């Protein structure tokens, strides 16, 4: 993996030679990468390439065979990181019989946050008008935003989002990316996974994965320059072809 990271800041996450196996299958193969603090890093690659497993290792819920993961200066999963790292899975983590506000307030209580933090988190994902609505009455995309608000209420330094825009229409996707940019603007670090290459343009940094390995870590404009392509999707395909052909 060629590391071409150009952002000049201390990394929020450092992964070194990470190996994860399930039975005889290698899910992550000596993965080494980093996430710069205060930016949006996109974790991109086809479904099944190991993105979710890598994210789980970063938040400390994945059993690993070897390698190290350091998050905000501490080993991943450390007790000190519990209030500093937020994680939103692909499946919404929502109590459907509770209102949006009560869902977020539950997580706020776990982190010692007050009602103002609850309202702020709900407003930040554009659900202020639905705060009193039962979560079970919301659409799938709205449920995902309730999960996001429940993570944001802890005011984490690092927010890890596993394919948060899957199933959303283009307007909602654009709105959610705008929210992500606002969150980073407040000083947080985001790691966002996707298998849709067009979303890469929203990221300051890209980590491109395939078959359990990191092919490159690179800024979007640098990837286009490196491959000579005009679109990020074509650039990723070119990168795969040259890598599999043995050209580094």
Protein backbone atom coordinates (compact mmCIF):
# COMPACT_ATOMS: atom_id res chain seq x y z
CA UNK A 1 0.00 0.00 0.00
CA UNK A 2 1.40 3.36 -1.01
CA UNK A 3 0.66 5.99 1.61
CA UNK A 4 0.31 9.37 -0.02
CA UNK A 5 -1.32 11.20 2.86
CA UNK A 6 -0.72 14.93 2.51
CA UNK A 7 -2.77 16.40 5.36
CA UNK A 8 -0.43 17.91 7.91
CA UNK A 9 -1.82 16.94 11.31
CA UNK A 10 -1.26 14.34 13.97
CA UNK A 11 -3.40 11.30 13.20
CA UNK A 12 -6.47 10.50 15.26
CA UNK A 13 -6.07 6.79 14.42
CA UNK A 14 -3.02 4.71 13.53
CA UNK A 15 -3.43 1.12 12.31
CA UNK A 16 -0.30 -0.99 11.90
CA UNK A 17 -0.06 -4.46 10.33
CA UNK A 18 -3.59 -5.39 11.39
CA UNK A 19 -4.62 -8.97 10.69
CA UNK A 20 -8.12 -10.35 11.26
CA UNK A 21 -9.12 -13.89 10.36
CA UNK A 22 -12.42 -15.75 10.52
CA UNK A 23 -11.69 -19.44 10.38
CA UNK A 24 -9.37 -19.96 7.43
CA UNK A 25 -10.38 -16.73 5.73
CA UNK A 26 -8.21 -13.63 6.08
CA UNK A 27 -10.56 -10.65 6.40
CA UNK A 28 -7.87 -8.00 6.94
CA UNK A 29 -4.39 -8.70 5.62
CA UNK A 30 -1.65 -6.66 7.32
CA UNK A 31 -3.59 -3.41 7.03
CA UNK A 32 -1.63 -0.24 7.76
CA UNK A 33 -3.30 3.18 7.53
CA UNK A 34 -4.02 6.33 9.49
CA UNK A 35 -6.80 8.87 9.93
CA UNK A 36 -5.84 12.55 10.15
CA UNK A 37 -7.50 14.52 12.96
CA UNK A 38 -10.07 17.19 12.17
CA UNK A 39 -11.01 15.93 8.70
CA UNK A 40 -13.40 13.59 6.90
CA UNK A 41 -11.66 10.40 5.80
CA UNK A 42 -13.55 8.17 3.39
CA UNK A 43 -13.12 4.41 3.65
CA UNK A 44 -14.08 3.16 0.21
CA UNK A 45 -14.27 -0.15 -1.54
CA UNK A 46 -16.73 -2.82 -2.71
CA UNK A 47 -19.02 -4.64 -0.31
CA UNK A 48 -17.17 -7.44 1.48
CA UNK A 49 -13.71 -5.87 1.18
CA UNK A 50 -13.27 -5.51 4.96
CA UNK A 51 -14.48 -1.96 5.64
CA UNK A 52 -16.82 -2.87 8.50
CA UNK A 53 -14.26 -5.19 10.09
CA UNK A 54 -11.67 -2.40 10.03
CA UNK A 55 -14.14 0.02 11.59
CA UNK A 56 -14.99 -2.47 14.32
CA UNK A 57 -11.29 -2.85 15.07
CA UNK A 58 -10.96 0.93 15.36
CA UNK A 59 -13.84 1.22 17.84
CA UNK A 60 -12.53 -1.78 19.79
CA UNK A 61 -15.27 -4.36 19.18
CA UNK A 62 -13.36 -6.65 16.80
CA UNK A 63 -11.15 -9.55 17.87
CA UNK A 64 -7.85 -9.24 16.00
CA UNK A 65 -5.14 -11.80 15.42
CA UNK A 66 -2.19 -9.41 15.30
CA UNK A 67 -1.21 -5.81 14.73
CA UNK A 68 -2.07 -2.64 16.64
CA UNK A 69 -4.79 0.00 16.51
CA UNK A 70 -4.16 3.28 18.35
CA UNK A 71 -7.04 5.72 18.74
CA UNK A 72 -6.53 9.24 20.10
CA UNK A 73 -3.23 8.06 21.55
CA UNK A 74 -4.64 4.98 23.32
CA UNK A 75 -5.19 1.31 22.38
CA UNK A 76 -8.52 0.81 20.59
CA UNK A 77 -11.28 -0.21 22.98
CA UNK A 78 -9.67 1.43 26.01
CA UNK A 79 -12.08 2.51 28.75
CA UNK A 80 -10.87 6.10 28.40
CA UNK A 81 -12.15 6.16 24.81
CA UNK A 82 -15.76 5.25 25.55
CA UNK A 83 -16.97 8.83 25.65
CA UNK A 84 -14.58 10.01 22.93
CA UNK A 85 -15.46 7.63 20.10
CA UNK A 86 -18.90 7.39 18.48
CA UNK A 87 -19.89 4.51 16.22
CA UNK A 88 -22.94 4.32 13.97
CA UNK A 89 -23.54 0.91 12.39
CA UNK A 90 -25.31 0.19 9.11
CA UNK A 91 -28.42 -1.03 10.95
CA UNK A 92 -30.04 1.80 12.96
CA UNK A 93 -29.65 1.35 16.73
CA UNK A 94 -33.01 2.79 17.71
CA UNK A 95 -35.76 1.99 20.21
CA UNK A 96 -38.76 2.21 17.90
CA UNK A 97 -41.34 2.52 20.69
CA UNK A 98 -39.64 5.67 22.04
CA UNK A 99 -39.73 9.16 20.58
CA UNK A 100 -36.74 10.61 18.78
CA UNK A 101 -36.03 12.83 21.80
CA UNK A 102 -36.27 9.93 24.27
CA UNK A 103 -33.92 7.82 22.15
CA UNK A 104 -31.28 10.54 22.12
CA UNK A 105 -31.90 11.43 25.79
CA UNK A 106 -31.20 7.82 26.78
CA UNK A 107 -27.69 8.01 25.31
CA UNK A 108 -27.23 11.52 26.67
CA UNK A 109 -27.84 10.18 30.18
CA UNK A 110 -25.12 7.56 29.68
CA UNK A 111 -22.59 10.29 28.92
CA UNK A 112 -23.80 12.86 31.44
CA UNK A 113 -25.13 15.28 28.82
CA UNK A 114 -28.06 17.62 29.49
CA UNK A 115 -31.27 18.43 27.60
CA UNK A 116 -29.57 21.19 25.62
CA UNK A 117 -27.15 18.61 24.22
CA UNK A 118 -30.11 16.40 23.27
CA UNK A 119 -31.81 19.24 21.36
CA UNK A 120 -28.54 20.22 19.69
CA UNK A 121 -27.86 16.66 18.51
CA UNK A 122 -31.38 16.28 17.11
CA UNK A 123 -31.23 19.63 15.33
CA UNK A 124 -27.79 18.82 13.90
CA UNK A 125 -29.23 15.89 11.91
CA UNK A 126 -32.30 17.83 10.76
CA UNK A 127 -34.88 16.04 12.90
CA UNK A 128 -36.03 18.94 15.06
CA UNK A 129 -39.55 18.78 13.65
CA UNK A 130 -39.75 15.06 14.47
CA UNK A 131 -38.36 15.19 18.02
CA UNK A 132 -41.67 14.12 19.58
CA UNK A 133 -42.48 11.48 16.96
CA UNK A 134 -42.18 7.77 17.80
CA UNK A 135 -39.12 6.41 16.07
CA UNK A 136 -41.21 3.57 14.67
CA UNK A 137 -43.11 6.07 12.52
CA UNK A 138 -40.00 7.35 10.76
CA UNK A 139 -38.55 6.36 7.40
CA UNK A 140 -35.43 4.24 7.12
CA UNK A 141 -33.28 7.27 6.34
CA UNK A 142 -34.67 9.15 9.33
CA UNK A 143 -33.98 6.18 11.61
CA UNK A 144 -30.36 6.33 10.51
CA UNK A 145 -30.26 9.98 11.51
CA UNK A 146 -31.67 9.13 14.95
CA UNK A 147 -28.74 6.73 15.39
CA UNK A 148 -26.39 9.49 14.29
CA UNK A 149 -27.91 11.95 16.78
CA UNK A 150 -27.55 9.33 19.53
CA UNK A 151 -23.84 9.15 18.77
CA UNK A 152 -23.41 12.90 18.40
CA UNK A 153 -24.97 13.69 21.77
CA UNK A 154 -21.82 12.32 23.45
CA UNK A 155 -19.83 14.98 21.52
CA UNK A 156 -17.19 12.42 20.43
CA UNK A 157 -13.78 13.43 19.19
CA UNK A 158 -13.90 10.62 16.63
CA UNK A 159 -17.09 9.58 14.84
CA UNK A 160 -17.07 6.32 12.85
CA UNK A 161 -19.95 5.91 10.38
CA UNK A 162 -20.53 2.64 8.53
CA UNK A 163 -22.21 3.37 5.17
CA UNK A 164 -24.58 6.01 6.62
CA UNK A 165 -26.03 7.02 3.24
CA UNK A 166 -27.06 3.57 1.98
CA UNK A 167 -30.61 3.60 0.69
CA UNK A 168 -30.99 7.39 0.79
CA UNK A 169 -32.09 9.43 -2.20
CA UNK A 170 -29.60 11.95 -3.65
CA UNK A 171 -31.16 14.93 -1.85
CA UNK A 172 -30.94 13.25 1.55
CA UNK A 173 -27.39 12.07 0.84
CA UNK A 174 -26.31 15.60 0.03
CA UNK A 175 -28.00 16.91 3.17
CA UNK A 176 -26.29 14.34 5.35
CA UNK A 177 -22.85 15.10 3.90
CA UNK A 178 -23.49 18.75 4.68
CA UNK A 179 -24.13 17.73 8.29
CA UNK A 180 -20.86 15.78 8.34
CA UNK A 181 -18.96 18.86 7.17
CA UNK A 182 -20.56 20.89 9.97
CA UNK A 183 -19.52 18.26 12.52
CA UNK A 184 -15.91 18.38 11.33
CA UNK A 185 -16.10 22.15 11.40
CA UNK A 186 -16.79 21.92 15.13
CA UNK A 187 -13.48 20.07 15.63
CA UNK A 188 -14.39 16.38 15.37
CA UNK A 189 -12.80 13.71 13.16
CA UNK A 190 -14.96 11.55 10.89
CA UNK A 191 -14.32 8.16 9.30
CA UNK A 192 -17.10 7.39 6.82
CA UNK A 193 -17.35 4.18 4.82
CA UNK A 194 -19.06 3.84 1.47
CA UNK A 195 -19.04 1.69 -1.64
CA UNK A 196 -20.23 4.64 -3.76
CA UNK A 197 -17.20 6.33 -5.25
CA UNK A 198 -19.03 9.56 -6.06
CA UNK A 199 -19.18 10.26 -2.33
CA UNK A 200 -15.39 10.37 -2.19
CA UNK A 201 -15.39 13.98 -3.37
CA UNK A 202 -16.73 15.02 0.05
CA UNK A 203 -13.65 13.64 1.82
CA UNK A 204 -10.28 15.25 2.50
CA UNK A 205 -8.60 11.85 2.48
CA UNK A 206 -9.43 8.45 0.98
CA UNK A 207 -8.51 4.98 2.16
CA UNK A 208 -9.17 2.62 -0.75
CA UNK A 209 -9.71 -1.05 0.07
CA UNK A 210 -10.07 -4.29 -1.86
CA UNK A 211 -10.06 -7.92 -0.69
CA UNK A 212 -8.98 -7.12 2.87
CA UNK A 213 -6.08 -4.88 1.88
CA UNK A 214 -5.54 -1.14 1.62
CA UNK A 215 -4.58 -0.25 -1.94
CA UNK A 216 -3.80 3.39 -1.23
CA UNK A 217 -4.34 6.31 1.09
CA UNK A 218 -4.60 9.45 -0.95
CA UNK A 219 -6.44 12.77 -1.34
CA UNK A 220 -9.16 12.72 -4.05
CA UNK A 221 -7.38 15.21 -6.33
CA UNK A 222 -4.11 13.30 -5.98
CA UNK A 223 -5.84 10.05 -6.98
CA UNK A 224 -7.11 11.69 -10.16
CA UNK A 225 -3.65 13.04 -10.96
CA UNK A 226 -2.01 9.70 -10.22
CA UNK A 227 -4.31 7.71 -12.51
CA UNK A 228 -4.93 10.34 -15.19
CA UNK A 229 -8.68 9.82 -14.90
CA UNK A 230 -11.42 12.45 -14.76
CA UNK A 231 -13.74 10.67 -12.31
CA UNK A 232 -12.99 9.04 -8.97
CA UNK A 233 -14.85 5.87 -9.94
CA UNK A 234 -12.68 5.38 -13.01
CA UNK A 235 -9.61 6.32 -10.97
CA UNK A 236 -10.36 3.58 -8.44
CA UNK A 237 -10.84 1.02 -11.21
CA UNK A 238 -7.55 2.07 -12.80
CA UNK A 239 -5.81 1.78 -9.43
CA UNK A 240 -7.17 -1.77 -9.02
CA UNK A 241 -5.99 -2.79 -12.48
CA UNK A 242 -2.49 -1.40 -12.04
CA UNK A 243 -2.15 -2.89 -8.56
CA UNK A 244 -3.34 -6.33 -9.61
CA UNK A 245 -1.05 -6.08 -12.62
CA UNK A 246 1.90 -5.59 -10.31
CA UNK A 247 2.48 -1.90 -11.02
CA UNK A 248 3.02 0.05 -7.77
